[in-house]
PDB file of all heavy atoms in Angstrom:
ATOM      1  N   LEU A   1      -0.507  12.810 -12.443  1.00  0.00           N
ATOM      2  CA  LEU A   1       0.457  11.898 -13.063  1.00  0.00           C
ATOM      3  C   LEU A   1       1.654  11.680 -12.143  1.00  0.00           C
ATOM      4  O   LEU A   1       2.069  10.538 -11.900  1.00  0.00           O
ATOM      5  CB  LEU A   1       0.911  12.459 -14.411  1.00  0.00           C
ATOM      6  CG  LEU A   1       1.925  11.614 -15.178  1.00  0.00           C
ATOM      7  CD1 LEU A   1       1.324  10.286 -15.612  1.00  0.00           C
ATOM      8  CD2 LEU A   1       2.447  12.394 -16.398  1.00  0.00           C
ATOM      9  N   ALA A   2       2.218  12.770 -11.622  1.00  0.00           N
ATOM     10  CA  ALA A   2       3.365  12.648 -10.718  1.00  0.00           C
ATOM     11  C   ALA A   2       2.984  11.871  -9.471  1.00  0.00           C
ATOM     12  O   ALA A   2       3.720  10.977  -9.018  1.00  0.00           O
ATOM     13  CB  ALA A   2       3.882  14.036 -10.350  1.00  0.00           C
ATOM     14  N   GLN A   3       1.823  12.172  -8.916  1.00  0.00           N
ATOM     15  CA  GLN A   3       1.407  11.522  -7.683  1.00  0.00           C
ATOM     16  C   GLN A   3       1.162  10.028  -7.885  1.00  0.00           C
ATOM     17  O   GLN A   3       1.378   9.234  -6.971  1.00  0.00           O
ATOM     18  CB  GLN A   3       0.150  12.204  -7.136  1.00  0.00           C
ATOM     19  CG  GLN A   3       0.421  13.598  -6.598  1.00  0.00           C
ATOM     20  CD  GLN A   3      -0.840  14.349  -6.207  1.00  0.00           C
ATOM     21  OE1 GLN A   3      -1.916  13.758  -6.113  1.00  0.00           O
ATOM     22  NE2 GLN A   3      -0.720  15.649  -5.996  1.00  0.00           N
ATOM     23  N   SER A   4       0.729   9.636  -9.070  1.00  0.00           N
ATOM     24  CA  SER A   4       0.484   8.210  -9.322  1.00  0.00           C
ATOM     25  C   SER A   4       1.784   7.413  -9.244  1.00  0.00           C
ATOM     26  O   SER A   4       1.806   6.308  -8.686  1.00  0.00           O
ATOM     27  CB  SER A   4      -0.186   8.018 -10.680  1.00  0.00           C
ATOM     28  OG  SER A   4       0.676   8.378 -11.748  1.00  0.00           O
ATOM     29  N   PHE A   5       2.881   7.964  -9.757  1.00  0.00           N
ATOM     30  CA  PHE A   5       4.166   7.260  -9.694  1.00  0.00           C
ATOM     31  C   PHE A   5       4.725   7.281  -8.272  1.00  0.00           C
ATOM     32  O   PHE A   5       5.282   6.280  -7.796  1.00  0.00           O
ATOM     33  CB  PHE A   5       5.157   7.877 -10.678  1.00  0.00           C
ATOM     34  CG  PHE A   5       4.968   7.401 -12.087  1.00  0.00           C
ATOM     35  CD1 PHE A   5       4.208   8.135 -12.980  1.00  0.00           C
ATOM     36  CD2 PHE A   5       5.518   6.201 -12.515  1.00  0.00           C
ATOM     37  CE1 PHE A   5       4.016   7.694 -14.285  1.00  0.00           C
ATOM     38  CE2 PHE A   5       5.334   5.745 -13.810  1.00  0.00           C
ATOM     39  CZ  PHE A   5       4.575   6.488 -14.701  1.00  0.00           C
ATOM     40  N   ILE A   6       4.572   8.413  -7.575  1.00  0.00           N
ATOM     41  CA  ILE A   6       5.055   8.502  -6.197  1.00  0.00           C
ATOM     42  C   ILE A   6       4.333   7.493  -5.316  1.00  0.00           C
ATOM     43  O   ILE A   6       4.956   6.755  -4.544  1.00  0.00           O
ATOM     44  CB  ILE A   6       4.864   9.937  -5.664  1.00  0.00           C
ATOM     45  CG1 ILE A   6       5.754  10.915  -6.434  1.00  0.00           C
ATOM     46  CG2 ILE A   6       5.168  10.001  -4.171  1.00  0.00           C
ATOM     47  CD1 ILE A   6       5.419  12.377  -6.180  1.00  0.00           C
ATOM     48  N   LEU A   7       3.019   7.448  -5.446  1.00  0.00           N
ATOM     49  CA  LEU A   7       2.225   6.546  -4.602  1.00  0.00           C
ATOM     50  C   LEU A   7       2.532   5.081  -4.921  1.00  0.00           C
ATOM     51  O   LEU A   7       2.655   4.252  -4.004  1.00  0.00           O
ATOM     52  CB  LEU A   7       0.738   6.837  -4.793  1.00  0.00           C
ATOM     53  CG  LEU A   7      -0.216   6.217  -3.769  1.00  0.00           C
ATOM     54  CD1 LEU A   7       0.112   6.686  -2.357  1.00  0.00           C
ATOM     55  CD2 LEU A   7      -1.664   6.564  -4.124  1.00  0.00           C
ATOM     56  N   ALA A   8       2.679   4.762  -6.207  1.00  0.00           N
ATOM     57  CA  ALA A   8       2.998   3.375  -6.581  1.00  0.00           C
ATOM     58  C   ALA A   8       4.332   2.937  -5.980  1.00  0.00           C
ATOM     59  O   ALA A   8       4.461   1.823  -5.452  1.00  0.00           O
ATOM     60  CB  ALA A   8       3.031   3.246  -8.101  1.00  0.00           C
ATOM     61  N   PHE A   9       5.327   3.829  -6.023  1.00  0.00           N
ATOM     62  CA  PHE A   9       6.652   3.504  -5.487  1.00  0.00           C
ATOM     63  C   PHE A   9       6.607   3.348  -3.965  1.00  0.00           C
ATOM     64  O   PHE A   9       7.160   2.389  -3.403  1.00  0.00           O
ATOM     65  CB  PHE A   9       7.645   4.592  -5.881  1.00  0.00           C
ATOM     66  CG  PHE A   9       9.023   4.406  -5.321  1.00  0.00           C
ATOM     67  CD1 PHE A   9       9.908   3.504  -5.885  1.00  0.00           C
ATOM     68  CD2 PHE A   9       9.436   5.136  -4.214  1.00  0.00           C
ATOM     69  CE1 PHE A   9      11.184   3.331  -5.362  1.00  0.00           C
ATOM     70  CE2 PHE A   9      10.703   4.970  -3.678  1.00  0.00           C
ATOM     71  CZ  PHE A   9      11.582   4.063  -4.254  1.00  0.00           C
ATOM     72  N   LEU A  10       5.947   4.286  -3.285  1.00  0.00           N
ATOM     73  CA  LEU A  10       5.886   4.218  -1.830  1.00  0.00           C
ATOM     74  C   LEU A  10       5.067   3.013  -1.367  1.00  0.00           C
ATOM     75  O   LEU A  10       5.440   2.334  -0.403  1.00  0.00           O
ATOM     76  CB  LEU A  10       5.302   5.513  -1.272  1.00  0.00           C
ATOM     77  CG  LEU A  10       6.199   6.741  -1.404  1.00  0.00           C
ATOM     78  CD1 LEU A  10       5.436   8.006  -1.022  1.00  0.00           C
ATOM     79  CD2 LEU A  10       7.454   6.609  -0.550  1.00  0.00           C
ATOM     80  N   ASP A  11       3.953   2.752  -2.039  1.00  0.00           N
ATOM     81  CA  ASP A  11       3.151   1.582  -1.672  1.00  0.00           C
ATOM     82  C   ASP A  11       3.954   0.297  -1.830  1.00  0.00           C
ATOM     83  O   ASP A  11       3.864  -0.622  -1.004  1.00  0.00           O
ATOM     84  CB  ASP A  11       1.893   1.508  -2.545  1.00  0.00           C
ATOM     85  CG  ASP A  11       0.814   2.481  -2.095  1.00  0.00           C
ATOM     86  OD1 ASP A  11       0.975   3.116  -1.032  1.00  0.00           O
ATOM     87  OD2 ASP A  11      -0.202   2.595  -2.809  1.00  0.00           O
ATOM     88  N   LYS A  12       4.760   0.228  -2.879  1.00  0.00           N
ATOM     89  CA  LYS A  12       5.565  -0.978  -3.096  1.00  0.00           C
ATOM     90  C   LYS A  12       6.595  -1.156  -1.981  1.00  0.00           C
ATOM     91  O   LYS A  12       6.785  -2.267  -1.468  1.00  0.00           O
ATOM     92  CB  LYS A  12       6.275  -0.908  -4.455  1.00  0.00           C
ATOM     93  CG  LYS A  12       7.183  -2.105  -4.701  1.00  0.00           C
ATOM     94  CD  LYS A  12       7.897  -2.021  -6.045  1.00  0.00           C
ATOM     95  CE  LYS A  12       8.825  -3.223  -6.213  1.00  0.00           C
ATOM     96  NZ  LYS A  12       9.538  -3.213  -7.513  1.00  0.00           N
ATOM     97  N   ASN A  13       7.261  -0.056  -1.591  1.00  0.00           N
ATOM     98  CA  ASN A  13       8.381  -0.174  -0.664  1.00  0.00           C
ATOM     99  C   ASN A  13       8.002  -0.053   0.805  1.00  0.00           C
ATOM    100  O   ASN A  13       8.710  -0.593   1.667  1.00  0.00           O
ATOM    101  CB  ASN A  13       9.435   0.876  -1.021  1.00  0.00           C
ATOM    102  CG  ASN A  13      10.188   0.517  -2.283  1.00  0.00           C
ATOM    103  OD1 ASN A  13      11.082  -0.310  -2.261  1.00  0.00           O
ATOM    104  ND2 ASN A  13       9.809   1.130  -3.393  1.00  0.00           N
ATOM    105  N   LEU A  14       6.903   0.633   1.116  1.00  0.00           N
ATOM    106  CA  LEU A  14       6.517   0.792   2.511  1.00  0.00           C
ATOM    107  C   LEU A  14       5.286  -0.025   2.888  1.00  0.00           C
ATOM    108  O   LEU A  14       5.080  -0.317   4.067  1.00  0.00           O
ATOM    109  CB  LEU A  14       6.266   2.269   2.826  1.00  0.00           C
ATOM    110  CG  LEU A  14       7.458   3.210   2.640  1.00  0.00           C
ATOM    111  CD1 LEU A  14       7.118   4.610   3.152  1.00  0.00           C
ATOM    112  CD2 LEU A  14       8.722   2.700   3.308  1.00  0.00           C
ATOM    113  N   LYS A  15       4.474  -0.387   1.893  1.00  0.00           N
ATOM    114  CA  LYS A  15       3.293  -1.218   2.176  1.00  0.00           C
ATOM    115  C   LYS A  15       3.402  -2.593   1.533  1.00  0.00           C
ATOM    116  O   LYS A  15       2.519  -3.433   1.711  1.00  0.00           O
ATOM    117  CB  LYS A  15       2.027  -0.516   1.679  1.00  0.00           C
ATOM    118  CG  LYS A  15       1.707   0.775   2.418  1.00  0.00           C
ATOM    119  CD  LYS A  15       0.380   1.362   1.939  1.00  0.00           C
ATOM    120  CE  LYS A  15       0.024   2.621   2.677  1.00  0.00           C
ATOM    121  NZ  LYS A  15      -1.272   3.201   2.217  1.00  0.00           N
ATOM    122  N   HIS A  16       4.461  -2.788   0.744  1.00  0.00           N
ATOM    123  CA  HIS A  16       4.776  -4.087   0.142  1.00  0.00           C
ATOM    124  C   HIS A  16       3.654  -4.600  -0.761  1.00  0.00           C
ATOM    125  O   HIS A  16       3.303  -5.777  -0.743  1.00  0.00           O
ATOM    126  CB  HIS A  16       5.110  -5.111   1.243  1.00  0.00           C
ATOM    127  CG  HIS A  16       6.122  -4.599   2.224  1.00  0.00           C
ATOM    128  ND1 HIS A  16       7.407  -4.279   1.852  1.00  0.00           N
ATOM    129  CD2 HIS A  16       6.027  -4.313   3.555  1.00  0.00           C
ATOM    130  CE1 HIS A  16       8.079  -3.832   2.907  1.00  0.00           C
ATOM    131  NE2 HIS A  16       7.259  -3.842   3.950  1.00  0.00           N
ATOM    132  N   THR A  17       3.103  -3.682  -1.545  1.00  0.00           N
ATOM    133  CA  THR A  17       2.097  -4.044  -2.540  1.00  0.00           C
ATOM    134  C   THR A  17       2.765  -4.147  -3.907  1.00  0.00           C
ATOM    135  O   THR A  17       3.900  -3.711  -4.098  1.00  0.00           O
ATOM    136  CB  THR A  17       0.980  -2.997  -2.598  1.00  0.00           C
ATOM    137  OG1 THR A  17       1.537  -1.740  -3.027  1.00  0.00           O
ATOM    138  CG2 THR A  17       0.324  -2.824  -1.245  1.00  0.00           C
ATOM    139  N   ILE A  18       2.072  -4.735  -4.871  1.00  0.00           N
ATOM    140  CA  ILE A  18       2.603  -4.800  -6.221  1.00  0.00           C
ATOM    141  C   ILE A  18       2.441  -3.438  -6.877  1.00  0.00           C
ATOM    142  O   ILE A  18       1.579  -2.632  -6.484  1.00  0.00           O
ATOM    143  CB  ILE A  18       1.901  -5.889  -7.056  1.00  0.00           C
ATOM    144  CG1 ILE A  18       0.396  -5.599  -7.164  1.00  0.00           C
ATOM    145  CG2 ILE A  18       2.156  -7.266  -6.450  1.00  0.00           C
ATOM    146  CD1 ILE A  18      -0.315  -6.524  -8.126  1.00  0.00           C
ATOM    147  N   ALA A  19       3.277  -3.153  -7.875  1.00  0.00           N
ATOM    148  CA  ALA A  19       3.265  -1.848  -8.536  1.00  0.00           C
ATOM    149  C   ALA A  19       3.286  -2.028 -10.048  1.00  0.00           C
ATOM    150  O   ALA A  19       4.323  -1.855 -10.695  1.00  0.00           O
ATOM    151  CB  ALA A  19       4.464  -1.015  -8.082  1.00  0.00           C
ATOM    152  N   PRO A  20       2.143  -2.384 -10.642  1.00  0.00           N
ATOM    153  CA  PRO A  20       2.104  -2.571 -12.099  1.00  0.00           C
ATOM    154  C   PRO A  20       2.545  -1.329 -12.866  1.00  0.00           C
ATOM    155  O   PRO A  20       3.141  -1.441 -13.939  1.00  0.00           O
ATOM    156  CB  PRO A  20       0.628  -2.891 -12.360  1.00  0.00           C
ATOM    157  CG  PRO A  20       0.100  -3.403 -11.069  1.00  0.00           C
ATOM    158  CD  PRO A  20       0.848  -2.670 -10.009  1.00  0.00           C
ATOM    159  N   LEU A  21       2.256  -0.148 -12.326  1.00  0.00           N
ATOM    160  CA  LEU A  21       2.637   1.089 -13.008  1.00  0.00           C
ATOM    161  C   LEU A  21       4.139   1.146 -13.240  1.00  0.00           C
ATOM    162  O   LEU A  21       4.612   1.675 -14.251  1.00  0.00           O
ATOM    163  CB  LEU A  21       2.191   2.290 -12.171  1.00  0.00           C
ATOM    164  CG  LEU A  21       2.389   3.680 -12.794  1.00  0.00           C
ATOM    165  CD1 LEU A  21       1.485   3.858 -14.005  1.00  0.00           C
ATOM    166  CD2 LEU A  21       2.110   4.772 -11.768  1.00  0.00           C
ATOM    167  N   LEU A  22       4.902   0.571 -12.308  1.00  0.00           N
ATOM    168  CA  LEU A  22       6.358   0.595 -12.412  1.00  0.00           C
ATOM    169  C   LEU A  22       6.942  -0.691 -12.982  1.00  0.00           C
ATOM    170  O   LEU A  22       7.962  -0.654 -13.681  1.00  0.00           O
ATOM    171  CB  LEU A  22       6.967   0.847 -11.031  1.00  0.00           C
ATOM    172  CG  LEU A  22       6.715   2.227 -10.421  1.00  0.00           C
ATOM    173  CD1 LEU A  22       7.066   2.215  -8.939  1.00  0.00           C
ATOM    174  CD2 LEU A  22       7.516   3.295 -11.144  1.00  0.00           C
ATOM    175  N   ASP A  23       6.309  -1.823 -12.693  1.00  0.00           N
ATOM    176  CA  ASP A  23       6.951  -3.107 -12.959  1.00  0.00           C
ATOM    177  C   ASP A  23       6.350  -3.924 -14.092  1.00  0.00           C
ATOM    178  O   ASP A  23       6.988  -4.875 -14.566  1.00  0.00           O
ATOM    179  CB  ASP A  23       6.938  -3.964 -11.687  1.00  0.00           C
ATOM    180  CG  ASP A  23       7.815  -3.378 -10.595  1.00  0.00           C
ATOM    181  OD1 ASP A  23       8.837  -2.752 -10.934  1.00  0.00           O
ATOM    182  OD2 ASP A  23       7.463  -3.536  -9.407  1.00  0.00           O
ATOM    183  N   ASP A  24       5.150  -3.618 -14.525  1.00  0.00           N
ATOM    184  CA  ASP A  24       4.521  -4.393 -15.590  1.00  0.00           C
ATOM    185  C   ASP A  24       5.031  -3.904 -16.940  1.00  0.00           C
ATOM    186  O   ASP A  24       4.764  -2.769 -17.349  1.00  0.00           O
ATOM    187  CB  ASP A  24       3.002  -4.257 -15.507  1.00  0.00           C
ATOM    188  CG  ASP A  24       2.285  -5.230 -16.438  1.00  0.00           C
ATOM    189  OD1 ASP A  24       2.935  -5.747 -17.372  1.00  0.00           O
ATOM    190  OD2 ASP A  24       1.081  -5.463 -16.246  1.00  0.00           O
TER     191      ASP A  24
END
């Protein structure tokens, strides 16, 4: 669970992908 939020945040900010887990 923790890793899913960490990865979503890092992917959004360092790989510039969308992050439904955080933004939807």
